[in-house]
């Protein structure tokens, strides 16, 4: 999934902080759930049905969690990547 950059006004951020406290959910989860709800209301473009399956979305969330936790590895070039697979 593409990374999203949100620009919030202070009042919006404060509302999210209160909602986070009340629901005991991280702000990122609240935003993700709002985006998911919005996307469920949007028509899916032909040819992209596979991306919106429950299995694929679960894998997307897992990847997002790995990125957020720093469980990533970067490589300088293709050769270094391929060498890491051995």
C-alpha atoms as a PDB file:
ATOM      1  CA  UNK A   1       0.000   0.000   0.000  1.00  0.00           C
ATOM      2  CA  UNK A   2       1.193   3.490  -0.729  1.00  0.00           C
ATOM      3  CA  UNK A   3       2.353   5.643   2.130  1.00  0.00           C
ATOM      4  CA  UNK A   4       0.018   8.456   3.034  1.00  0.00           C
ATOM      5  CA  UNK A   5       0.989  11.866   4.279  1.00  0.00           C
ATOM      6  CA  UNK A   6      -1.672  13.747   6.206  1.00  0.00           C
ATOM      7  CA  UNK A   7      -1.527  17.383   7.094  1.00  0.00           C
ATOM      8  CA  UNK A   8      -3.736  17.975  10.109  1.00  0.00           C
ATOM      9  CA  UNK A   9      -4.706  21.202  11.736  1.00  0.00           C
ATOM     10  CA  UNK A  10      -4.005  21.337  15.460  1.00  0.00           C
ATOM     11  CA  UNK A  11      -7.709  20.974  16.323  1.00  0.00           C
ATOM     12  CA  UNK A  12      -7.974  17.839  14.157  1.00  0.00           C
ATOM     13  CA  UNK A  13      -4.895  16.332  15.763  1.00  0.00           C
ATOM     14  CA  UNK A  14      -6.251  17.074  19.243  1.00  0.00           C
ATOM     15  CA  UNK A  15      -9.535  15.334  18.375  1.00  0.00           C
ATOM     16  CA  UNK A  16      -7.581  12.313  17.173  1.00  0.00           C
ATOM     17  CA  UNK A  17      -5.569  12.272  20.417  1.00  0.00           C
ATOM     18  CA  UNK A  18      -8.775  12.326  22.484  1.00  0.00           C
ATOM     19  CA  UNK A  19     -10.336   9.611  20.320  1.00  0.00           C
ATOM     20  CA  UNK A  20      -7.145   7.567  20.670  1.00  0.00           C
ATOM     21  CA  UNK A  21      -7.283   7.881  24.443  1.00  0.00           C
ATOM     22  CA  UNK A  22     -10.987   7.016  24.652  1.00  0.00           C
ATOM     23  CA  UNK A  23     -10.828   4.045  22.283  1.00  0.00           C
ATOM     24  CA  UNK A  24      -7.373   2.910  23.450  1.00  0.00           C
ATOM     25  CA  UNK A  25      -6.289   2.655  19.829  1.00  0.00           C
ATOM     26  CA  UNK A  26      -3.210   4.255  18.285  1.00  0.00           C
ATOM     27  CA  UNK A  27      -3.910   7.251  16.067  1.00  0.00           C
ATOM     28  CA  UNK A  28      -2.487   5.351  13.090  1.00  0.00           C
ATOM     29  CA  UNK A  29      -5.084   2.594  13.589  1.00  0.00           C
ATOM     30  CA  UNK A  30      -7.930   5.118  13.824  1.00  0.00           C
ATOM     31  CA  UNK A  31      -6.799   6.730  10.577  1.00  0.00           C
ATOM     32  CA  UNK A  32      -6.368   3.342   8.874  1.00  0.00           C
ATOM     33  CA  UNK A  33      -9.885   2.276   9.907  1.00  0.00           C
ATOM     34  CA  UNK A  34     -11.307   5.542   8.577  1.00  0.00           C
ATOM     35  CA  UNK A  35      -9.488   5.048   5.270  1.00  0.00           C
ATOM     36  CA  UNK A  36     -10.706   1.435   5.053  1.00  0.00           C
ATOM     37  CA  UNK A  37     -14.298   2.551   5.692  1.00  0.00           C
ATOM     38  CA  UNK A  38     -13.971   5.217   3.016  1.00  0.00           C
ATOM     39  CA  UNK A  39     -12.504   2.789   0.498  1.00  0.00           C
ATOM     40  CA  UNK A  40     -15.282   0.269   1.123  1.00  0.00           C
ATOM     41  CA  UNK A  41     -17.708   2.892  -0.154  1.00  0.00           C
ATOM     42  CA  UNK A  42     -15.664   3.530  -3.309  1.00  0.00           C
ATOM     43  CA  UNK A  43     -16.052   1.437  -6.444  1.00  0.00           C
ATOM     44  CA  UNK A  44     -13.117  -0.846  -7.161  1.00  0.00           C
ATOM     45  CA  UNK A  45     -11.397  -0.172 -10.465  1.00  0.00           C
ATOM     46  CA  UNK A  46     -11.574  -3.089 -12.910  1.00  0.00           C
ATOM     47  CA  UNK A  47      -8.471  -5.252 -12.683  1.00  0.00           C
ATOM     48  CA  UNK A  48      -7.709  -4.274  -9.067  1.00  0.00           C
ATOM     49  CA  UNK A  49     -10.084  -6.700  -7.362  1.00  0.00           C
ATOM     50  CA  UNK A  50      -7.184  -8.909  -6.220  1.00  0.00           C
ATOM     51  CA  UNK A  51      -5.695  -6.040  -4.197  1.00  0.00           C
ATOM     52  CA  UNK A  52      -8.854  -5.617  -2.131  1.00  0.00           C
ATOM     53  CA  UNK A  53      -9.286  -9.252  -1.106  1.00  0.00           C
ATOM     54  CA  UNK A  54      -9.182  -9.907   2.640  1.00  0.00           C
ATOM     55  CA  UNK A  55      -6.015 -11.991   2.239  1.00  0.00           C
ATOM     56  CA  UNK A  56      -4.145  -9.320   0.311  1.00  0.00           C
ATOM     57  CA  UNK A  57      -5.222  -6.561   2.713  1.00  0.00           C
ATOM     58  CA  UNK A  58      -4.058  -8.680   5.670  1.00  0.00           C
ATOM     59  CA  UNK A  59      -0.651  -9.011   3.995  1.00  0.00           C
ATOM     60  CA  UNK A  60      -0.595  -5.232   3.386  1.00  0.00           C
ATOM     61  CA  UNK A  61      -1.276  -4.583   7.070  1.00  0.00           C
ATOM     62  CA  UNK A  62       1.457  -7.031   8.069  1.00  0.00           C
ATOM     63  CA  UNK A  63       3.903  -5.223   5.783  1.00  0.00           C
ATOM     64  CA  UNK A  64       2.886  -1.860   7.268  1.00  0.00           C
ATOM     65  CA  UNK A  65       3.499  -3.237  10.776  1.00  0.00           C
ATOM     66  CA  UNK A  66       6.930  -4.511   9.729  1.00  0.00           C
ATOM     67  CA  UNK A  67       7.828  -1.120   8.281  1.00  0.00           C
ATOM     68  CA  UNK A  68       6.607   0.714  11.377  1.00  0.00           C
ATOM     69  CA  UNK A  69       8.585  -1.626  13.641  1.00  0.00           C
ATOM     70  CA  UNK A  70      11.746  -1.266  11.572  1.00  0.00           C
ATOM     71  CA  UNK A  71      11.741  -4.903  10.477  1.00  0.00           C
ATOM     72  CA  UNK A  72      13.125  -4.054   7.046  1.00  0.00           C
ATOM     73  CA  UNK A  73      16.346  -4.589   5.184  1.00  0.00           C
ATOM     74  CA  UNK A  74      17.653  -2.358   2.417  1.00  0.00           C
ATOM     75  CA  UNK A  75      20.178  -3.156  -0.282  1.00  0.00           C
ATOM     76  CA  UNK A  76      22.466  -0.960  -2.347  1.00  0.00           C
ATOM     77  CA  UNK A  77      21.854  -2.901  -5.534  1.00  0.00           C
ATOM     78  CA  UNK A  78      20.285  -6.007  -7.051  1.00  0.00           C
ATOM     79  CA  UNK A  79      23.438  -8.074  -6.553  1.00  0.00           C
ATOM     80  CA  UNK A  80      23.413  -7.436  -2.787  1.00  0.00           C
ATOM     81  CA  UNK A  81      19.727  -8.362  -2.642  1.00  0.00           C
ATOM     82  CA  UNK A  82      20.258 -11.593  -4.579  1.00  0.00           C
ATOM     83  CA  UNK A  83      23.268 -12.482  -2.402  1.00  0.00           C
ATOM     84  CA  UNK A  84      21.081 -12.131   0.708  1.00  0.00           C
ATOM     85  CA  UNK A  85      18.758 -14.859  -0.568  1.00  0.00           C
ATOM     86  CA  UNK A  86      21.463 -17.528  -0.432  1.00  0.00           C
END
